[in-house]
Amino acid sequence: MPRRLGRNSTPSANSEPAEDRGETRAEEMARAAADLFQRFGFQNVSIERIGAAVGLTGPAVYRHFKGKHDILAHALMNQGELAERICRRTDEQGGTPRRSCGCCCPGSAR
């Protein structure tokens, strides 16, 4: 189980510290890495850069992930889960998930 961030953990560049979002350090790194991958391209982002984005050294990243591909896989899984939550919430509020989410939740449209 990934460890939760403590009060003395270094927050990410986001306005809200990861600990306040209930994020684990691994989730914080995956989110930061996804942003870096999108901005600079997967091949142009180093483990050191990912670590620096969340206040860690590059080697510390390897305590949580085997490498960049592992981080990317984690980030993609998190995005899928986020899309599902958005679709469910839209559906619960009486909206149309297909309209809100497009192709990410084709089976939940009414």
PDB file of N, CA and C in Angstrom:
ATOM      1  N   MET A   1       0.852  -1.182   0.000  1.00  0.00           N
ATOM      2  CA  MET A   1       0.000   0.000   0.000  1.00  0.00           C
ATOM      3  C   MET A   1       0.892   1.236   0.000  1.00  0.00           C
ATOM      4  N   PRO A   2       0.652   2.187  -0.933  1.00  0.00           N
ATOM      5  CA  PRO A   2       1.465   3.395  -0.964  1.00  0.00           C
ATOM      6  C   PRO A   2       1.261   4.202   0.302  1.00  0.00           C
ATOM      7  N   ARG A   3       2.336   4.839   0.726  1.00  0.00           N
ATOM      8  CA  ARG A   3       2.236   5.605   1.964  1.00  0.00           C
ATOM      9  C   ARG A   3       1.591   6.953   1.702  1.00  0.00           C
ATOM     10  N   ARG A   4       0.821   7.418   2.665  1.00  0.00           N
ATOM     11  CA  ARG A   4       0.176   8.722   2.560  1.00  0.00           C
ATOM     12  C   ARG A   4       1.181   9.795   2.947  1.00  0.00           C
ATOM     13  N   LEU A   5       0.983  10.972   2.371  1.00  0.00           N
ATOM     14  CA  LEU A   5       1.875  12.082   2.683  1.00  0.00           C
ATOM     15  C   LEU A   5       1.603  12.587   4.085  1.00  0.00           C
ATOM     16  N   GLY A   6       2.650  12.935   4.772  1.00  0.00           N
ATOM     17  CA  GLY A   6       2.530  13.484   6.113  1.00  0.00           C
ATOM     18  C   GLY A   6       2.537  14.995   6.082  1.00  0.00           C
ATOM     19  N   ARG A   7       2.384  15.605   7.205  1.00  0.00           N
ATOM     20  CA  ARG A   7       2.349  17.057   7.326  1.00  0.00           C
ATOM     21  C   ARG A   7       3.640  17.723   6.855  1.00  0.00           C
ATOM     22  N   ASN A   8       4.779  17.090   6.997  1.00  0.00           N
ATOM     23  CA  ASN A   8       6.050  17.698   6.632  1.00  0.00           C
ATOM     24  C   ASN A   8       6.493  17.367   5.222  1.00  0.00           C
ATOM     25  N   SER A   9       5.649  16.717   4.449  1.00  0.00           N
ATOM     26  CA  SER A   9       5.993  16.362   3.077  1.00  0.00           C
ATOM     27  C   SER A   9       5.991  17.597   2.200  1.00  0.00           C
ATOM     28  N   THR A  10       6.823  17.565   1.187  1.00  0.00           N
ATOM     29  CA  THR A  10       6.908  18.681   0.266  1.00  0.00           C
ATOM     30  C   THR A  10       5.748  18.622  -0.708  1.00  0.00           C
ATOM     31  N   PRO A  11       4.930  19.687  -0.795  1.00  0.00           N
ATOM     32  CA  PRO A  11       3.811  19.666  -1.711  1.00  0.00           C
ATOM     33  C   PRO A  11       4.265  19.846  -3.153  1.00  0.00           C
ATOM     34  N   SER A  12       3.399  19.476  -4.080  1.00  0.00           N
ATOM     35  CA  SER A  12       3.701  19.644  -5.497  1.00  0.00           C
ATOM     36  C   SER A  12       3.476  21.090  -5.899  1.00  0.00           C
ATOM     37  N   ALA A  13       3.633  21.351  -7.181  1.00  0.00           N
ATOM     38  CA  ALA A  13       3.471  22.697  -7.695  1.00  0.00           C
ATOM     39  C   ALA A  13       2.010  23.146  -7.711  1.00  0.00           C
ATOM     40  N   ASN A  14       1.051  22.245  -7.477  1.00  0.00           N
ATOM     41  CA  ASN A  14      -0.355  22.620  -7.451  1.00  0.00           C
ATOM     42  C   ASN A  14      -0.627  23.507  -6.259  1.00  0.00           C
ATOM     43  N   SER A  15      -1.737  24.255  -6.327  1.00  0.00           N
ATOM     44  CA  SER A  15      -2.072  25.166  -5.252  1.00  0.00           C
ATOM     45  C   SER A  15      -2.482  24.436  -3.974  1.00  0.00           C
ATOM     46  N   GLU A  16      -3.013  23.251  -4.104  1.00  0.00           N
ATOM     47  CA  GLU A  16      -3.456  22.475  -2.954  1.00  0.00           C
ATOM     48  C   GLU A  16      -2.473  21.337  -2.702  1.00  0.00           C
ATOM     49  N   PRO A  17      -1.886  21.273  -1.486  1.00  0.00           N
ATOM     50  CA  PRO A  17      -0.930  20.193  -1.201  1.00  0.00           C
ATOM     51  C   PRO A  17      -1.553  18.813  -1.383  1.00  0.00           C
ATOM     52  N   ALA A  18      -0.721  17.876  -1.818  1.00  0.00           N
ATOM     53  CA  ALA A  18      -1.189  16.515  -2.068  1.00  0.00           C
ATOM     54  C   ALA A  18      -1.826  15.910  -0.830  1.00  0.00           C
ATOM     55  N   GLU A  19      -1.266  16.202   0.333  1.00  0.00           N
ATOM     56  CA  GLU A  19      -1.811  15.623   1.563  1.00  0.00           C
ATOM     57  C   GLU A  19      -3.242  16.082   1.799  1.00  0.00           C
ATOM     58  N   ASP A  20      -3.577  17.312   1.380  1.00  0.00           N
ATOM     59  CA  ASP A  20      -4.933  17.809   1.549  1.00  0.00           C
ATOM     60  C   ASP A  20      -5.891  17.178   0.550  1.00  0.00           C
ATOM     61  N   ARG A  21      -5.383  16.673  -0.551  1.00  0.00           N
ATOM     62  CA  ARG A  21      -6.212  15.983  -1.537  1.00  0.00           C
ATOM     63  C   ARG A  21      -6.340  14.502  -1.200  1.00  0.00           C
ATOM     64  N   GLY A  22      -5.670  14.026  -0.145  1.00  0.00           N
ATOM     65  CA  GLY A  22      -5.715  12.618   0.221  1.00  0.00           C
ATOM     66  C   GLY A  22      -4.912  11.751  -0.730  1.00  0.00           C
ATOM     67  N   GLU A  23      -3.960  12.349  -1.398  1.00  0.00           N
ATOM     68  CA  GLU A  23      -3.143  11.660  -2.389  1.00  0.00           C
ATOM     69  C   GLU A  23      -1.946  10.978  -1.752  1.00  0.00           C
ATOM     70  N   THR A  24      -1.585   9.826  -2.282  1.00  0.00           N
ATOM     71  CA  THR A  24      -0.332   9.207  -1.858  1.00  0.00           C
ATOM     72  C   THR A  24       0.800   9.879  -2.617  1.00  0.00           C
ATOM     73  N   ARG A  25       2.005   9.658  -2.174  1.00  0.00           N
ATOM     74  CA  ARG A  25       3.169  10.223  -2.869  1.00  0.00           C
ATOM     75  C   ARG A  25       3.231   9.667  -4.297  1.00  0.00           C
ATOM     76  N   ALA A  26       2.922   8.389  -4.466  1.00  0.00           N
ATOM     77  CA  ALA A  26       2.931   7.786  -5.796  1.00  0.00           C
ATOM     78  C   ALA A  26       1.896   8.448  -6.704  1.00  0.00           C
ATOM     79  N   GLU A  27       0.709   8.723  -6.191  1.00  0.00           N
ATOM     80  CA  GLU A  27      -0.318   9.394  -6.984  1.00  0.00           C
ATOM     81  C   GLU A  27       0.129  10.801  -7.362  1.00  0.00           C
ATOM     82  N   GLU A  28       0.744  11.492  -6.424  1.00  0.00           N
ATOM     83  CA  GLU A  28       1.247  12.838  -6.682  1.00  0.00           C
ATOM     84  C   GLU A  28       2.306  12.809  -7.794  1.00  0.00           C
ATOM     85  N   MET A  29       3.213  11.840  -7.725  1.00  0.00           N
ATOM     86  CA  MET A  29       4.248  11.721  -8.754  1.00  0.00           C
ATOM     87  C   MET A  29       3.641  11.385 -10.105  1.00  0.00           C
ATOM     88  N   ALA A  30       2.680  10.479 -10.139  1.00  0.00           N
ATOM     89  CA  ALA A  30       2.045  10.093 -11.399  1.00  0.00           C
ATOM     90  C   ALA A  30       1.330  11.283 -12.024  1.00  0.00           C
ATOM     91  N   ARG A  31       0.645  12.069 -11.216  1.00  0.00           N
ATOM     92  CA  ARG A  31      -0.052  13.244 -11.723  1.00  0.00           C
ATOM     93  C   ARG A  31       0.938  14.266 -12.266  1.00  0.00           C
ATOM     94  N   ALA A  32       2.001  14.513 -11.508  1.00  0.00           N
ATOM     95  CA  ALA A  32       3.025  15.462 -11.961  1.00  0.00           C
ATOM     96  C   ALA A  32       3.706  14.955 -13.227  1.00  0.00           C
ATOM     97  N   ALA A  33       3.991  13.660 -13.282  1.00  0.00           N
ATOM     98  CA  ALA A  33       4.635  13.073 -14.462  1.00  0.00           C
ATOM     99  C   ALA A  33       3.728  13.190 -15.682  1.00  0.00           C
ATOM    100  N   ALA A  34       2.434  12.941 -15.514  1.00  0.00           N
ATOM    101  CA  ALA A  34       1.501  13.050 -16.642  1.00  0.00           C
ATOM    102  C   ALA A  34       1.513  14.463 -17.201  1.00  0.00           C
ATOM    103  N   ASP A  35       1.563  15.436 -16.323  1.00  0.00           N
ATOM    104  CA  ASP A  35       1.641  16.829 -16.762  1.00  0.00           C
ATOM    105  C   ASP A  35       2.941  17.085 -17.523  1.00  0.00           C
ATOM    106  N   LEU A  36       4.039  16.601 -16.992  1.00  0.00           N
ATOM    107  CA  LEU A  36       5.337  16.776 -17.659  1.00  0.00           C
ATOM    108  C   LEU A  36       5.369  16.049 -19.003  1.00  0.00           C
ATOM    109  N   PHE A  37       4.834  14.836 -19.047  1.00  0.00           N
ATOM    110  CA  PHE A  37       4.809  14.073 -20.298  1.00  0.00           C
ATOM    111  C   PHE A  37       4.009  14.829 -21.357  1.00  0.00           C
ATOM    112  N   GLN A  38       2.894  15.406 -20.943  1.00  0.00           N
ATOM    113  CA  GLN A  38       2.053  16.135 -21.880  1.00  0.00           C
ATOM    114  C   GLN A  38       2.771  17.391 -22.378  1.00  0.00           C
ATOM    115  N   ARG A  39       3.428  18.102 -21.492  1.00  0.00           N
ATOM    116  CA  ARG A  39       4.086  19.365 -21.863  1.00  0.00           C
ATOM    117  C   ARG A  39       5.363  19.169 -22.663  1.00  0.00           C
ATOM    118  N   PHE A  40       6.165  18.150 -22.309  1.00  0.00           N
ATOM    119  CA  PHE A  40       7.498  18.024 -22.894  1.00  0.00           C
ATOM    120  C   PHE A  40       7.712  16.748 -23.703  1.00  0.00           C
ATOM    121  N   GLY A  41       6.777  15.810 -23.619  1.00  0.00           N
ATOM    122  CA  GLY A  41       6.919  14.532 -24.301  1.00  0.00           C
ATOM    123  C   GLY A  41       7.586  13.507 -23.399  1.00  0.00           C
ATOM    124  N   PHE A  42       7.125  12.272 -23.501  1.00  0.00           N
ATOM    125  CA  PHE A  42       7.609  11.196 -22.637  1.00  0.00           C
ATOM    126  C   PHE A  42       9.128  11.060 -22.676  1.00  0.00           C
ATOM    127  N   GLN A  43       9.694  11.051 -23.874  1.00  0.00           N
ATOM    128  CA  GLN A  43      11.143  10.844 -24.015  1.00  0.00           C
ATOM    129  C   GLN A  43      11.970  11.989 -23.446  1.00  0.00           C
ATOM    130  N   ASN A  44      11.373  13.163 -23.311  1.00  0.00           N
ATOM    131  CA  ASN A  44      12.111  14.346 -22.852  1.00  0.00           C
ATOM    132  C   ASN A  44      12.003  14.596 -21.354  1.00  0.00           C
ATOM    133  N   VAL A  45      11.343  13.710 -20.653  1.00  0.00           N
ATOM    134  CA  VAL A  45      11.170  13.880 -19.201  1.00  0.00           C
ATOM    135  C   VAL A  45      11.987  12.805 -18.488  1.00  0.00           C
ATOM    136  N   SER A  46      12.860  13.240 -17.609  1.00  0.00           N
ATOM    137  CA  SER A  46      13.703  12.305 -16.854  1.00  0.00           C
ATOM    138  C   SER A  46      13.070  11.987 -15.503  1.00  0.00           C
ATOM    139  N   ILE A  47      13.526  10.916 -14.919  1.00  0.00           N
ATOM    140  CA  ILE A  47      13.107  10.553 -13.553  1.00  0.00           C
ATOM    141  C   ILE A  47      13.476  11.688 -12.591  1.00  0.00           C
ATOM    142  N   GLU A  48      14.622  12.300 -12.803  1.00  0.00           N
ATOM    143  CA  GLU A  48      15.058  13.412 -11.952  1.00  0.00           C
ATOM    144  C   GLU A  48      14.075  14.574 -12.036  1.00  0.00           C
ATOM    145  N   ARG A  49      13.580  14.850 -13.244  1.00  0.00           N
ATOM    146  CA  ARG A  49      12.635  15.949 -13.432  1.00  0.00           C
ATOM    147  C   ARG A  49      11.309  15.642 -12.743  1.00  0.00           C
ATOM    148  N   ILE A  50      10.879  14.402 -12.820  1.00  0.00           N
ATOM    149  CA  ILE A  50       9.643  13.997 -12.144  1.00  0.00           C
ATOM    150  C   ILE A  50       9.808  14.157 -10.637  1.00  0.00           C
ATOM    151  N   GLY A  51      10.925  13.669 -10.116  1.00  0.00           N
ATOM    152  CA  GLY A  51      11.178  13.816  -8.686  1.00  0.00           C
ATOM    153  C   GLY A  51      11.201  15.267  -8.262  1.00  0.00           C
ATOM    154  N   ALA A  52      11.883  16.108  -9.033  1.00  0.00           N
ATOM    155  CA  ALA A  52      11.980  17.532  -8.695  1.00  0.00           C
ATOM    156  C   ALA A  52      10.609  18.200  -8.676  1.00  0.00           C
ATOM    157  N   ALA A  53       9.703  17.745  -9.536  1.00  0.00           N
ATOM    158  CA  ALA A  53       8.362  18.327  -9.595  1.00  0.00           C
ATOM    159  C   ALA A  53       7.570  18.114  -8.311  1.00  0.00           C
ATOM    160  N   VAL A  54       7.951  17.095  -7.542  1.00  0.00           N
ATOM    161  CA  VAL A  54       7.242  16.810  -6.288  1.00  0.00           C
ATOM    162  C   VAL A  54       8.159  16.941  -5.075  1.00  0.00           C
ATOM    163  N   GLY A  55       9.325  17.554  -5.280  1.00  0.00           N
ATOM    164  CA  GLY A  55      10.228  17.812  -4.153  1.00  0.00           C
ATOM    165  C   GLY A  55      11.065  16.626  -3.733  1.00  0.00           C
ATOM    166  N   LEU A  56      11.352  15.700  -4.655  1.00  0.00           N
ATOM    167  CA  LEU A  56      12.167  14.531  -4.351  1.00  0.00           C
ATOM    168  C   LEU A  56      13.378  14.494  -5.272  1.00  0.00           C
ATOM    169  N   THR A  57      14.348  13.691  -4.909  1.00  0.00           N
ATOM    170  CA  THR A  57      15.468  13.421  -5.808  1.00  0.00           C
ATOM    171  C   THR A  57      15.030  12.329  -6.779  1.00  0.00           C
ATOM    172  N   GLY A  58      15.737  12.217  -7.889  1.00  0.00           N
ATOM    173  CA  GLY A  58      15.438  11.170  -8.847  1.00  0.00           C
ATOM    174  C   GLY A  58      15.472   9.779  -8.238  1.00  0.00           C
ATOM    175  N   PRO A  59      16.547   9.437  -7.495  1.00  0.00           N
ATOM    176  CA  PRO A  59      16.601   8.101  -6.902  1.00  0.00           C
ATOM    177  C   PRO A  59      15.437   7.792  -5.955  1.00  0.00           C
ATOM    178  N   ALA A  60      14.889   8.809  -5.310  1.00  0.00           N
ATOM    179  CA  ALA A  60      13.761   8.580  -4.396  1.00  0.00           C
ATOM    180  C   ALA A  60      12.518   8.132  -5.155  1.00  0.00           C
ATOM    181  N   VAL A  61      12.410   8.509  -6.424  1.00  0.00           N
ATOM    182  CA  VAL A  61      11.260   8.105  -7.237  1.00  0.00           C
ATOM    183  C   VAL A  61      11.219   6.586  -7.367  1.00  0.00           C
ATOM    184  N   TYR A  62      12.393   5.971  -7.411  1.00  0.00           N
ATOM    185  CA  TYR A  62      12.470   4.514  -7.584  1.00  0.00           C
ATOM    186  C   TYR A  62      11.978   3.745  -6.349  1.00  0.00           C
ATOM    187  N   ARG A  63      11.727   4.415  -5.252  1.00  0.00           N
ATOM    188  CA  ARG A  63      11.116   3.760  -4.087  1.00  0.00           C
ATOM    189  C   ARG A  63       9.646   3.466  -4.350  1.00  0.00           C
ATOM    190  N   HIS A  64       9.079   4.192  -5.310  1.00  0.00           N
ATOM    191  CA  HIS A  64       7.655   4.075  -5.605  1.00  0.00           C
ATOM    192  C   HIS A  64       7.359   3.412  -6.943  1.00  0.00           C
ATOM    193  N   PHE A  65       8.271   3.570  -7.904  1.00  0.00           N
ATOM    194  CA  PHE A  65       8.065   3.062  -9.255  1.00  0.00           C
ATOM    195  C   PHE A  65       9.337   2.424  -9.786  1.00  0.00           C
ATOM    196  N   LYS A  66       9.173   1.458 -10.706  1.00  0.00           N
ATOM    197  CA  LYS A  66      10.329   0.798 -11.321  1.00  0.00           C
ATOM    198  C   LYS A  66      10.996   1.698 -12.357  1.00  0.00           C
ATOM    199  N   GLY A  67      10.240   2.592 -12.963  1.00  0.00           N
ATOM    200  CA  GLY A  67      10.773   3.482 -13.987  1.00  0.00           C
ATOM    201  C   GLY A  67       9.666   4.321 -14.595  1.00  0.00           C
ATOM    202  N   LYS A  68       9.994   5.053 -15.670  1.00  0.00           N
ATOM    203  CA  LYS A  68       9.028   5.952 -16.301  1.00  0.00           C
ATOM    204  C   LYS A  68       7.817   5.228 -16.862  1.00  0.00           C
ATOM    205  N   HIS A  69       8.017   4.062 -17.437  1.00  0.00           N
ATOM    206  CA  HIS A  69       6.882   3.323 -17.995  1.00  0.00           C
ATOM    207  C   HIS A  69       5.897   2.933 -16.898  1.00  0.00           C
ATOM    208  N   ASP A  70       6.403   2.582 -15.738  1.00  0.00           N
ATOM    209  CA  ASP A  70       5.554   2.243 -14.595  1.00  0.00           C
ATOM    210  C   ASP A  70       4.772   3.475 -14.131  1.00  0.00           C
ATOM    211  N   ILE A  71       5.420   4.633 -14.130  1.00  0.00           N
ATOM    212  CA  ILE A  71       4.745   5.880 -13.746  1.00  0.00           C
ATOM    213  C   ILE A  71       3.649   6.200 -14.756  1.00  0.00           C
ATOM    214  N   LEU A  72       3.960   6.057 -16.043  1.00  0.00           N
ATOM    215  CA  LEU A  72       2.975   6.324 -17.086  1.00  0.00           C
ATOM    216  C   LEU A  72       1.764   5.403 -16.936  1.00  0.00           C
ATOM    217  N   ALA A  73       1.999   4.131 -16.697  1.00  0.00           N
ATOM    218  CA  ALA A  73       0.893   3.181 -16.513  1.00  0.00           C
ATOM    219  C   ALA A  73       0.020   3.589 -15.336  1.00  0.00           C
ATOM    220  N   HIS A  74       0.636   3.993 -14.235  1.00  0.00           N
ATOM    221  CA  HIS A  74      -0.108   4.426 -13.051  1.00  0.00           C
ATOM    222  C   HIS A  74      -0.944   5.670 -13.383  1.00  0.00           C
ATOM    223  N   ALA A  75      -0.339   6.616 -14.092  1.00  0.00           N
ATOM    224  CA  ALA A  75      -1.047   7.846 -14.454  1.00  0.00           C
ATOM    225  C   ALA A  75      -2.241   7.545 -15.353  1.00  0.00           C
ATOM    226  N   LEU A  76      -2.072   6.651 -16.311  1.00  0.00           N
ATOM    227  CA  LEU A  76      -3.170   6.307 -17.216  1.00  0.00           C
ATOM    228  C   LEU A  76      -4.312   5.608 -16.481  1.00  0.00           C
ATOM    229  N   MET A  77      -3.983   4.744 -15.537  1.00  0.00           N
ATOM    230  CA  MET A  77      -5.030   4.084 -14.744  1.00  0.00           C
ATOM    231  C   MET A  77      -5.804   5.123 -13.938  1.00  0.00           C
ATOM    232  N   ASN A  78      -5.081   6.085 -13.359  1.00  0.00           N
ATOM    233  CA  ASN A  78      -5.749   7.131 -12.577  1.00  0.00           C
ATOM    234  C   ASN A  78      -6.681   7.965 -13.446  1.00  0.00           C
ATOM    235  N   GLN A  79      -6.286   8.243 -14.699  1.00  0.00           N
ATOM    236  CA  GLN A  79      -7.136   9.020 -15.595  1.00  0.00           C
ATOM    237  C   GLN A  79      -8.419   8.261 -15.914  1.00  0.00           C
ATOM    238  N   GLY A  80      -8.307   6.950 -16.118  1.00  0.00           N
ATOM    239  CA  GLY A  80      -9.489   6.143 -16.375  1.00  0.00           C
ATOM    240  C   GLY A  80     -10.453   6.160 -15.199  1.00  0.00           C
ATOM    241  N   GLU A  81      -9.909   6.062 -14.005  1.00  0.00           N
ATOM    242  CA  GLU A  81     -10.737   6.097 -12.804  1.00  0.00           C
ATOM    243  C   GLU A  81     -11.403   7.457 -12.647  1.00  0.00           C
ATOM    244  N   LEU A  82     -10.674   8.530 -12.963  1.00  0.00           N
ATOM    245  CA  LEU A  82     -11.243   9.871 -12.890  1.00  0.00           C
ATOM    246  C   LEU A  82     -12.398  10.022 -13.873  1.00  0.00           C
ATOM    247  N   ALA A  83     -12.228   9.533 -15.090  1.00  0.00           N
ATOM    248  CA  ALA A  83     -13.289   9.611 -16.093  1.00  0.00           C
ATOM    249  C   ALA A  83     -14.533   8.864 -15.626  1.00  0.00           C
ATOM    250  N   GLU A  84     -14.346   7.696 -15.028  1.00  0.00           N
ATOM    251  CA  GLU A  84     -15.484   6.931 -14.518  1.00  0.00           C
ATOM    252  C   GLU A  84     -16.221   7.695 -13.428  1.00  0.00           C
ATOM    253  N   ARG A  85     -15.480   8.334 -12.512  1.00  0.00           N
ATOM    254  CA  ARG A  85     -16.111   9.117 -11.431  1.00  0.00           C
ATOM    255  C   ARG A  85     -16.901  10.289 -12.008  1.00  0.00           C
ATOM    256  N   ILE A  86     -16.351  10.964 -13.010  1.00  0.00           N
ATOM    257  CA  ILE A  86     -17.049  12.092 -13.628  1.00  0.00           C
ATOM    258  C   ILE A  86     -18.346  11.615 -14.267  1.00  0.00           C
ATOM    259  N   CYS A  87     -18.280  10.502 -14.966  1.00  0.00           N
ATOM    260  CA  CYS A  87     -19.478   9.952 -15.612  1.00  0.00           C
ATOM    261  C   CYS A  87     -20.534   9.571 -14.592  1.00  0.00           C
ATOM    262  N   ARG A  88     -20.120   8.904 -13.522  1.00  0.00           N
ATOM    263  CA  ARG A  88     -21.070   8.510 -12.481  1.00  0.00           C
ATOM    264  C   ARG A  88     -21.733   9.732 -11.855  1.00  0.00           C
ATOM    265  N   ARG A  89     -20.919  10.743 -11.526  1.00  0.00           N
ATOM    266  CA  ARG A  89     -21.435  11.957 -10.889  1.00  0.00           C
ATOM    267  C   ARG A  89     -22.416  12.660 -11.828  1.00  0.00           C
ATOM    268  N   THR A  90     -22.099  12.755 -13.099  1.00  0.00           N
ATOM    269  CA  THR A  90     -22.992  13.385 -14.076  1.00  0.00           C
ATOM    270  C   THR A  90     -24.300  12.627 -14.165  1.00  0.00           C
ATOM    271  N   ASP A  91     -24.205  11.306 -14.182  1.00  0.00           N
ATOM    272  CA  ASP A  91     -25.395  10.465 -14.253  1.00  0.00           C
ATOM    273  C   ASP A  91     -26.261  10.652 -13.011  1.00  0.00           C
ATOM    274  N   GLU A  92     -25.635  10.695 -11.843  1.00  0.00           N
ATOM    275  CA  GLU A  92     -26.369  10.873 -10.583  1.00  0.00           C
ATOM    276  C   GLU A  92     -27.072  12.222 -10.538  1.00  0.00           C
ATOM    277  N   GLN A  93     -26.502  13.218 -11.205  1.00  0.00           N
ATOM    278  CA  GLN A  93     -27.086  14.557 -11.203  1.00  0.00           C
ATOM    279  C   GLN A  93     -28.115  14.740 -12.317  1.00  0.00           C
ATOM    280  N   GLY A  94     -28.423  13.645 -13.032  1.00  0.00           N
ATOM    281  CA  GLY A  94     -29.447  13.696 -14.054  1.00  0.00           C
ATOM    282  C   GLY A  94     -28.959  14.165 -15.413  1.00  0.00           C
ATOM    283  N   GLY A  95     -27.680  14.334 -15.566  1.00  0.00           N
ATOM    284  CA  GLY A  95     -27.135  14.736 -16.857  1.00  0.00           C
ATOM    285  C   GLY A  95     -26.966  13.548 -17.773  1.00  0.00           C
ATOM    286  N   THR A  96     -26.363  13.777 -18.884  1.00  0.00           N
ATOM    287  CA  THR A  96     -26.087  12.698 -19.814  1.00  0.00           C
ATOM    288  C   THR A  96     -24.583  12.485 -19.886  1.00  0.00           C
ATOM    289  N   PRO A  97     -24.094  11.383 -19.341  1.00  0.00           N
ATOM    290  CA  PRO A  97     -22.663  11.121 -19.348  1.00  0.00           C
ATOM    291  C   PRO A  97     -22.051  11.126 -20.740  1.00  0.00           C
ATOM    292  N   ARG A  98     -22.797  10.637 -21.729  1.00  0.00           N
ATOM    293  CA  ARG A  98     -22.253  10.607 -23.084  1.00  0.00           C
ATOM    294  C   ARG A  98     -21.936  12.036 -23.530  1.00  0.00           C
ATOM    295  N   ARG A  99     -22.795  12.956 -23.226  1.00  0.00           N
ATOM    296  CA  ARG A  99     -22.574  14.346 -23.596  1.00  0.00           C
ATOM    297  C   ARG A  99     -21.427  14.941 -22.774  1.00  0.00           C
ATOM    298  N   SER A 100     -21.331  14.602 -21.489  1.00  0.00           N
ATOM    299  CA  SER A 100     -20.301  15.148 -20.624  1.00  0.00           C
ATOM    300  C   SER A 100     -18.942  14.512 -20.842  1.00  0.00           C
ATOM    301  N   CYS A 101     -18.941  13.200 -21.078  1.00  0.00           N
ATOM    302  CA  CYS A 101     -17.683  12.457 -21.135  1.00  0.00           C
ATOM    303  C   CYS A 101     -17.342  11.933 -22.506  1.00  0.00           C
ATOM    304  N   GLY A 102     -18.246  12.018 -23.431  1.00  0.00           N
ATOM    305  CA  GLY A 102     -17.968  11.502 -24.766  1.00  0.00           C
ATOM    306  C   GLY A 102     -17.784  10.002 -24.760  1.00  0.00           C
ATOM    307  N   CYS A 103     -16.721   9.550 -25.382  1.00  0.00           N
ATOM    308  CA  CYS A 103     -16.527   8.117 -25.580  1.00  0.00           C
ATOM    309  C   CYS A 103     -16.013   7.394 -24.349  1.00  0.00           C
ATOM    310  N   CYS A 104     -15.683   8.080 -23.273  1.00  0.00           N
ATOM    311  CA  CYS A 104     -15.086   7.376 -22.128  1.00  0.00           C
ATOM    312  C   CYS A 104     -16.087   6.518 -21.381  1.00  0.00           C
ATOM    313  N   CYS A 105     -17.362   6.782 -21.506  1.00  0.00           N
ATOM    314  CA  CYS A 105     -18.342   5.961 -20.812  1.00  0.00           C
ATOM    315  C   CYS A 105     -19.553   5.704 -21.685  1.00  0.00           C
ATOM    316  N   PRO A 106     -19.359   5.024 -22.815  1.00  0.00           N
ATOM    317  CA  PRO A 106     -20.476   4.783 -23.724  1.00  0.00           C
ATOM    318  C   PRO A 106     -21.592   3.925 -23.145  1.00  0.00           C
ATOM    319  N   GLY A 107     -21.298   3.083 -22.188  1.00  0.00           N
ATOM    320  CA  GLY A 107     -22.317   2.201 -21.631  1.00  0.00           C
ATOM    321  C   GLY A 107     -23.197   2.848 -20.585  1.00  0.00           C
ATOM    322  N   SER A 108     -22.884   4.059 -20.148  1.00  0.00           N
ATOM    323  CA  SER A 108     -23.658   4.644 -19.061  1.00  0.00           C
ATOM    324  C   SER A 108     -24.597   5.755 -19.521  1.00  0.00           C
ATOM    325  N   ALA A 109     -24.708   5.975 -20.825  1.00  0.00           N
ATOM    326  CA  ALA A 109     -25.619   7.011 -21.311  1.00  0.00           C
ATOM    327  C   ALA A 109     -27.067   6.553 -21.160  1.00  0.00           C
ATOM    328  N   ARG A 110     -27.945   7.471 -20.908  1.00  0.00           N
ATOM    329  CA  ARG A 110     -29.378   7.143 -20.755  1.00  0.00           C
ATOM    330  C   ARG A 110     -30.104   7.440 -22.024  1.00  0.00           C
TER     331      ARG A 110
END
